[in-house]
Amino acid sequence: MAKLSPIVSEFASTEEEAAHDAWVRAKVEKALASTAPCIPHEEVIAEMQAILDRHKAPGKY
């Protein structure tokens, strides 16, 4: 197990890094293979803006 420097990597070892990489790649492959309907960009942006607006503290902005 090769240890990684925290300056170079957020992972403690090359095995941890490889496991995370495999997990991310599997998620991407699943998303690309999905047949679920796409959500329009404008709808996603509107939903995210609503979430941000709900979490803004009054008077801070």
N, C-alpha and C. Protein backbone atom coordinates (compact mmCIF):
# COMPACT_ATOMS: atom_id res chain seq x y z
N MET A 1 0.85 -1.18 0.00
CA MET A 1 0.00 0.00 0.00
C MET A 1 0.89 1.24 0.00
N ALA A 2 0.85 1.99 -1.06
CA ALA A 2 1.64 3.21 -1.15
C ALA A 2 0.88 4.36 -0.48
N LYS A 3 1.55 5.04 0.42
CA LYS A 3 0.95 6.20 1.09
C LYS A 3 1.11 7.42 0.21
N LEU A 4 0.11 8.27 0.24
CA LEU A 4 0.13 9.49 -0.56
C LEU A 4 0.24 10.70 0.34
N SER A 5 0.90 11.72 -0.15
CA SER A 5 1.03 12.97 0.60
C SER A 5 -0.29 13.72 0.57
N PRO A 6 -0.73 14.30 1.69
CA PRO A 6 -1.96 15.08 1.69
C PRO A 6 -1.85 16.34 0.82
N ILE A 7 -0.64 16.73 0.47
CA ILE A 7 -0.46 17.87 -0.42
C ILE A 7 -0.78 17.47 -1.86
N VAL A 8 -0.53 16.20 -2.19
CA VAL A 8 -0.70 15.70 -3.55
C VAL A 8 -2.08 15.10 -3.76
N SER A 9 -2.64 14.43 -2.75
CA SER A 9 -3.89 13.70 -2.93
C SER A 9 -4.74 13.79 -1.68
N GLU A 10 -6.06 13.73 -1.87
CA GLU A 10 -6.97 13.73 -0.73
C GLU A 10 -7.13 12.33 -0.14
N PHE A 11 -6.53 11.33 -0.78
CA PHE A 11 -6.63 9.94 -0.33
C PHE A 11 -5.38 9.54 0.45
N ALA A 12 -5.56 8.63 1.40
CA ALA A 12 -4.44 8.20 2.22
C ALA A 12 -3.54 7.20 1.51
N SER A 13 -4.10 6.47 0.55
CA SER A 13 -3.31 5.45 -0.14
C SER A 13 -3.75 5.34 -1.59
N THR A 14 -2.92 4.68 -2.38
CA THR A 14 -3.27 4.47 -3.80
C THR A 14 -4.46 3.53 -3.91
N GLU A 15 -4.61 2.61 -2.96
CA GLU A 15 -5.76 1.70 -2.98
C GLU A 15 -7.06 2.46 -2.74
N GLU A 16 -7.02 3.40 -1.79
CA GLU A 16 -8.20 4.23 -1.52
C GLU A 16 -8.56 5.05 -2.75
N GLU A 17 -7.56 5.61 -3.39
CA GLU A 17 -7.77 6.39 -4.60
C GLU A 17 -8.37 5.54 -5.71
N ALA A 18 -7.84 4.33 -5.90
CA ALA A 18 -8.35 3.43 -6.95
C ALA A 18 -9.79 3.00 -6.66
N ALA A 19 -10.10 2.74 -5.41
CA ALA A 19 -11.46 2.35 -5.04
C ALA A 19 -12.44 3.49 -5.31
N HIS A 20 -12.05 4.71 -4.98
CA HIS A 20 -12.91 5.86 -5.23
C HIS A 20 -13.09 6.08 -6.73
N ASP A 21 -12.01 5.95 -7.48
CA ASP A 21 -12.07 6.11 -8.93
C ASP A 21 -13.02 5.09 -9.54
N ALA A 22 -12.95 3.83 -9.09
CA ALA A 22 -13.84 2.79 -9.60
C ALA A 22 -15.29 3.09 -9.27
N TRP A 23 -15.54 3.60 -8.06
CA TRP A 23 -16.89 3.95 -7.64
C TRP A 23 -17.47 5.08 -8.52
N VAL A 24 -16.65 6.11 -8.76
CA VAL A 24 -17.10 7.23 -9.59
C VAL A 24 -17.37 6.75 -11.02
N ARG A 25 -16.47 5.96 -11.57
CA ARG A 25 -16.65 5.45 -12.93
C ARG A 25 -17.92 4.62 -13.06
N ALA A 26 -18.22 3.80 -12.05
CA ALA A 26 -19.45 3.00 -12.06
C ALA A 26 -20.68 3.89 -12.04
N LYS A 27 -20.66 4.95 -11.23
CA LYS A 27 -21.78 5.90 -11.17
C LYS A 27 -21.99 6.58 -12.52
N VAL A 28 -20.90 6.99 -13.17
CA VAL A 28 -20.99 7.66 -14.47
C VAL A 28 -21.54 6.70 -15.52
N GLU A 29 -21.04 5.47 -15.54
CA GLU A 29 -21.52 4.47 -16.50
C GLU A 29 -23.02 4.23 -16.31
N LYS A 30 -23.46 4.12 -15.05
CA LYS A 30 -24.88 3.91 -14.77
C LYS A 30 -25.71 5.09 -15.26
N ALA A 31 -25.22 6.30 -15.02
CA ALA A 31 -25.94 7.49 -15.46
C ALA A 31 -26.02 7.56 -16.99
N LEU A 32 -24.93 7.23 -17.66
CA LEU A 32 -24.93 7.27 -19.12
C LEU A 32 -25.85 6.21 -19.72
N ALA A 33 -26.01 5.09 -19.04
CA ALA A 33 -26.85 4.01 -19.54
C ALA A 33 -28.32 4.19 -19.16
N SER A 34 -28.61 5.17 -18.32
CA SER A 34 -29.97 5.39 -17.83
C SER A 34 -30.92 5.75 -18.98
N THR A 35 -32.14 5.23 -18.87
CA THR A 35 -33.18 5.57 -19.85
C THR A 35 -34.21 6.53 -19.24
N ALA A 36 -33.92 7.04 -18.04
CA ALA A 36 -34.81 8.00 -17.39
C ALA A 36 -34.87 9.28 -18.23
N PRO A 37 -36.01 9.94 -18.22
CA PRO A 37 -36.11 11.17 -19.02
C PRO A 37 -35.16 12.25 -18.50
N CYS A 38 -34.62 13.03 -19.41
CA CYS A 38 -33.72 14.13 -19.05
C CYS A 38 -34.51 15.28 -18.45
N ILE A 39 -33.87 16.02 -17.57
CA ILE A 39 -34.48 17.20 -16.98
C ILE A 39 -33.89 18.41 -17.68
N PRO A 40 -34.74 19.31 -18.19
CA PRO A 40 -34.22 20.50 -18.88
C PRO A 40 -33.35 21.36 -17.96
N HIS A 41 -32.30 21.94 -18.53
CA HIS A 41 -31.35 22.76 -17.79
C HIS A 41 -32.05 23.86 -17.00
N GLU A 42 -32.99 24.53 -17.62
CA GLU A 42 -33.68 25.65 -16.97
C GLU A 42 -34.43 25.18 -15.72
N GLU A 43 -35.00 23.96 -15.78
CA GLU A 43 -35.72 23.42 -14.63
C GLU A 43 -34.76 23.13 -13.47
N VAL A 44 -33.62 22.57 -13.78
CA VAL A 44 -32.63 22.28 -12.74
C VAL A 44 -32.14 23.57 -12.10
N ILE A 45 -31.84 24.57 -12.91
CA ILE A 45 -31.36 25.85 -12.39
C ILE A 45 -32.43 26.49 -11.49
N ALA A 46 -33.69 26.43 -11.90
CA ALA A 46 -34.77 27.01 -11.10
C ALA A 46 -34.88 26.29 -9.75
N GLU A 47 -34.78 24.96 -9.77
CA GLU A 47 -34.85 24.19 -8.52
C GLU A 47 -33.67 24.52 -7.60
N MET A 48 -32.48 24.63 -8.16
CA MET A 48 -31.30 24.95 -7.35
C MET A 48 -31.40 26.36 -6.77
N GLN A 49 -31.90 27.29 -7.56
CA GLN A 49 -32.06 28.66 -7.08
C GLN A 49 -33.06 28.71 -5.93
N ALA A 50 -34.14 27.94 -6.02
CA ALA A 50 -35.13 27.88 -4.94
C ALA A 50 -34.50 27.34 -3.66
N ILE A 51 -33.66 26.31 -3.79
CA ILE A 51 -32.98 25.75 -2.62
C ILE A 51 -32.05 26.79 -2.00
N LEU A 52 -31.27 27.47 -2.84
CA LEU A 52 -30.37 28.51 -2.33
C LEU A 52 -31.14 29.62 -1.64
N ASP A 53 -32.23 30.05 -2.24
CA ASP A 53 -33.04 31.12 -1.66
C ASP A 53 -33.61 30.73 -0.30
N ARG A 54 -34.02 29.46 -0.16
CA ARG A 54 -34.56 29.00 1.13
C ARG A 54 -33.51 28.99 2.23
N HIS A 55 -32.25 28.79 1.84
CA HIS A 55 -31.18 28.67 2.84
C HIS A 55 -30.42 29.97 3.10
N LYS A 56 -30.73 31.00 2.39
CA LYS A 56 -30.08 32.29 2.63
C LYS A 56 -30.59 32.87 3.94
N ALA A 57 -29.67 33.36 4.75
CA ALA A 57 -30.08 34.01 5.98
C ALA A 57 -30.59 35.40 5.65
N PRO A 58 -31.72 35.81 6.21
CA PRO A 58 -32.27 37.13 5.93
C PRO A 58 -31.28 38.24 6.31
N GLY A 59 -31.15 39.22 5.46
CA GLY A 59 -30.30 40.37 5.74
C GLY A 59 -28.82 40.17 5.47
N LYS A 60 -28.41 38.98 5.04
CA LYS A 60 -26.99 38.74 4.79
C LYS A 60 -26.57 39.16 3.39
N TYR A 61 -27.51 39.24 2.47
CA TYR A 61 -27.15 39.51 1.07
C TYR A 61 -27.81 40.74 0.56
